[in-house]
Amino acid sequence: MSAQSLKLQTTTISMAHMWQGLLIALVLYFLGILAVYVNRLLGFYVLGLVLLIYSLGLISALMSGYQSTAAMEIKLLLEVVAAIGLGINFYTVVLLTRWRQNH
């Protein structure tokens, strides 16, 4: 589903760019997890940076959904998915903080 069919004000994104974004996300998460095993403190900072980047992307999705001229159901779905993603990011930060304090 493209952003234009959702009537979001954005540029067209090709499938190659979407795969590239997914690959970058997986590499960043892998580097964060690898950094936890190599140097625990560095790993927490890397994972925190990754979560911050994705939280900013989810906030951008929330704003795009709010400003969209799409149907109310699509706007609501976009807002709910972004809010769930932010909740998962926040919970991940809480779990990482607890794990860091215990080790």
C-alpha atoms as a PDB file:
ATOM      1  CA  MET A   1       0.000   0.000   0.000  1.00  0.00           C
ATOM      2  CA  SER A   2       1.495   3.288  -0.997  1.00  0.00           C
ATOM      3  CA  ALA A   3       1.406   6.548   0.897  1.00  0.00           C
ATOM      4  CA  GLN A   4      -0.491   8.140  -1.981  1.00  0.00           C
ATOM      5  CA  SER A   5      -3.356   5.659  -1.678  1.00  0.00           C
ATOM      6  CA  LEU A   6      -3.575   6.635   1.996  1.00  0.00           C
ATOM      7  CA  LYS A   7      -3.594  10.296   0.909  1.00  0.00           C
ATOM      8  CA  LEU A   8      -0.573  11.151   3.022  1.00  0.00           C
ATOM      9  CA  GLN A   9       1.460  14.168   1.974  1.00  0.00           C
ATOM     10  CA  THR A  10       4.759  12.468   1.218  1.00  0.00           C
ATOM     11  CA  THR A  11       6.977  11.496  -1.659  1.00  0.00           C
ATOM     12  CA  THR A  12       6.621   8.168  -3.426  1.00  0.00           C
ATOM     13  CA  ILE A  13       8.788   5.444  -1.912  1.00  0.00           C
ATOM     14  CA  SER A  14      10.013   2.585  -4.059  1.00  0.00           C
ATOM     15  CA  MET A  15      10.093  -1.015  -2.906  1.00  0.00           C
ATOM     16  CA  ALA A  16      13.908  -0.927  -2.976  1.00  0.00           C
ATOM     17  CA  HIS A  17      13.909   1.979  -0.511  1.00  0.00           C
ATOM     18  CA  MET A  18      11.534   0.111   1.797  1.00  0.00           C
ATOM     19  CA  TRP A  19      13.804  -2.966   1.779  1.00  0.00           C
ATOM     20  CA  GLN A  20      16.814  -0.735   2.333  1.00  0.00           C
ATOM     21  CA  GLY A  21      15.107   0.833   5.360  1.00  0.00           C
ATOM     22  CA  LEU A  22      14.259  -2.596   6.757  1.00  0.00           C
ATOM     23  CA  LEU A  23      17.830  -3.792   6.250  1.00  0.00           C
ATOM     24  CA  ILE A  24      19.214  -0.707   8.007  1.00  0.00           C
ATOM     25  CA  ALA A  25      16.809  -1.306  10.902  1.00  0.00           C
ATOM     26  CA  LEU A  26      17.890  -4.928  11.271  1.00  0.00           C
ATOM     27  CA  VAL A  27      21.577  -3.980  11.116  1.00  0.00           C
ATOM     28  CA  LEU A  28      21.105  -1.286  13.783  1.00  0.00           C
ATOM     29  CA  TYR A  29      19.316  -3.697  16.115  1.00  0.00           C
ATOM     30  CA  PHE A  30      21.964  -6.368  15.494  1.00  0.00           C
ATOM     31  CA  LEU A  31      24.761  -3.874  16.226  1.00  0.00           C
ATOM     32  CA  GLY A  32      23.018  -2.866  19.434  1.00  0.00           C
ATOM     33  CA  ILE A  33      22.634  -6.441  20.595  1.00  0.00           C
ATOM     34  CA  LEU A  34      26.216  -7.237  19.593  1.00  0.00           C
ATOM     35  CA  ALA A  35      27.432  -4.161  21.485  1.00  0.00           C
ATOM     36  CA  VAL A  36      25.623  -5.376  24.631  1.00  0.00           C
ATOM     37  CA  TYR A  37      27.652  -8.601  24.553  1.00  0.00           C
ATOM     38  CA  VAL A  38      30.946  -6.863  23.762  1.00  0.00           C
ATOM     39  CA  ASN A  39      30.625  -3.903  26.109  1.00  0.00           C
ATOM     40  CA  ARG A  40      27.421  -3.799  28.106  1.00  0.00           C
ATOM     41  CA  LEU A  41      27.354  -0.042  28.713  1.00  0.00           C
ATOM     42  CA  LEU A  42      28.065   0.799  25.055  1.00  0.00           C
ATOM     43  CA  GLY A  43      25.328  -1.600  23.985  1.00  0.00           C
ATOM     44  CA  PHE A  44      22.715   0.151  26.070  1.00  0.00           C
ATOM     45  CA  TYR A  45      23.637   3.472  24.507  1.00  0.00           C
ATOM     46  CA  VAL A  46      23.486   2.025  20.985  1.00  0.00           C
ATOM     47  CA  LEU A  47      20.097   0.401  21.622  1.00  0.00           C
ATOM     48  CA  GLY A  48      18.867   3.629  23.212  1.00  0.00           C
ATOM     49  CA  LEU A  49      19.907   5.549  20.102  1.00  0.00           C
ATOM     50  CA  VAL A  50      18.141   3.031  17.856  1.00  0.00           C
ATOM     51  CA  LEU A  51      14.964   3.295  19.945  1.00  0.00           C
ATOM     52  CA  LEU A  52      15.166   7.086  19.809  1.00  0.00           C
ATOM     53  CA  ILE A  53      15.469   7.041  16.013  1.00  0.00           C
ATOM     54  CA  TYR A  54      12.458   4.741  15.674  1.00  0.00           C
ATOM     55  CA  SER A  55      10.456   6.745  18.189  1.00  0.00           C
ATOM     56  CA  LEU A  56      11.037   9.867  16.099  1.00  0.00           C
ATOM     57  CA  GLY A  57       9.816   7.945  13.050  1.00  0.00           C
ATOM     58  CA  LEU A  58       6.682   6.859  14.914  1.00  0.00           C
ATOM     59  CA  ILE A  59       6.042  10.420  16.063  1.00  0.00           C
ATOM     60  CA  SER A  60       6.351  11.473  12.426  1.00  0.00           C
ATOM     61  CA  ALA A  61       3.783   8.787  11.514  1.00  0.00           C
ATOM     62  CA  LEU A  62       1.445  10.134  14.201  1.00  0.00           C
ATOM     63  CA  MET A  63       1.749  13.635  12.784  1.00  0.00           C
ATOM     64  CA  SER A  64       1.269  12.399   9.201  1.00  0.00           C
ATOM     65  CA  GLY A  65      -1.854  10.537  10.241  1.00  0.00           C
ATOM     66  CA  TYR A  66      -3.213  13.584  12.009  1.00  0.00           C
ATOM     67  CA  GLN A  67      -2.591  15.835   8.992  1.00  0.00           C
ATOM     68  CA  SER A  68      -3.803  13.277   6.450  1.00  0.00           C
ATOM     69  CA  THR A  69      -6.885  13.792   4.304  1.00  0.00           C
ATOM     70  CA  ALA A  70      -7.556  10.044   4.210  1.00  0.00           C
ATOM     71  CA  ALA A  71     -10.659   8.338   5.532  1.00  0.00           C
ATOM     72  CA  MET A  72     -11.121   8.332   9.296  1.00  0.00           C
ATOM     73  CA  GLU A  73     -10.611   4.546   9.543  1.00  0.00           C
ATOM     74  CA  ILE A  74      -7.198   4.756   7.855  1.00  0.00           C
ATOM     75  CA  LYS A  75      -6.165   7.699  10.014  1.00  0.00           C
ATOM     76  CA  LEU A  76      -7.273   5.845  13.150  1.00  0.00           C
ATOM     77  CA  LEU A  77      -5.400   2.692  12.105  1.00  0.00           C
ATOM     78  CA  LEU A  78      -2.215   4.676  11.465  1.00  0.00           C
ATOM     79  CA  GLU A  79      -2.527   6.469  14.805  1.00  0.00           C
ATOM     80  CA  VAL A  80      -3.160   3.231  16.726  1.00  0.00           C
ATOM     81  CA  VAL A  81      -0.222   1.409  15.113  1.00  0.00           C
ATOM     82  CA  ALA A  82       2.125   4.341  15.811  1.00  0.00           C
ATOM     83  CA  ALA A  83       0.907   4.592  19.421  1.00  0.00           C
ATOM     84  CA  ILE A  84       1.428   0.854  19.942  1.00  0.00           C
ATOM     85  CA  GLY A  85       4.926   1.166  18.481  1.00  0.00           C
ATOM     86  CA  LEU A  86       5.747   4.025  20.845  1.00  0.00           C
ATOM     87  CA  GLY A  87       4.429   1.968  23.750  1.00  0.00           C
ATOM     88  CA  ILE A  88       6.609  -0.983  22.754  1.00  0.00           C
ATOM     89  CA  ASN A  89       9.646   1.312  22.465  1.00  0.00           C
ATOM     90  CA  PHE A  90       8.963   2.790  25.897  1.00  0.00           C
ATOM     91  CA  TYR A  91       8.509  -0.668  27.440  1.00  0.00           C
ATOM     92  CA  THR A  92      11.760  -1.827  25.803  1.00  0.00           C
ATOM     93  CA  VAL A  93      13.601   1.092  27.408  1.00  0.00           C
ATOM     94  CA  VAL A  94      12.115   0.155  30.789  1.00  0.00           C
ATOM     95  CA  LEU A  95      13.178  -3.497  30.370  1.00  0.00           C
ATOM     96  CA  LEU A  96      16.696  -2.522  29.271  1.00  0.00           C
ATOM     97  CA  THR A  97      17.037  -0.187  32.250  1.00  0.00           C
ATOM     98  CA  ARG A  98      15.935  -2.910  34.670  1.00  0.00           C
ATOM     99  CA  TRP A  99      18.264  -5.445  33.061  1.00  0.00           C
ATOM    100  CA  ARG A 100      21.161  -3.013  33.207  1.00  0.00           C
ATOM    101  CA  GLN A 101      20.587  -2.365  36.916  1.00  0.00           C
ATOM    102  CA  ASN A 102      20.471  -6.101  37.704  1.00  0.00           C
ATOM    103  CA  HIS A 103      23.746  -6.959  35.934  1.00  0.00           C
END
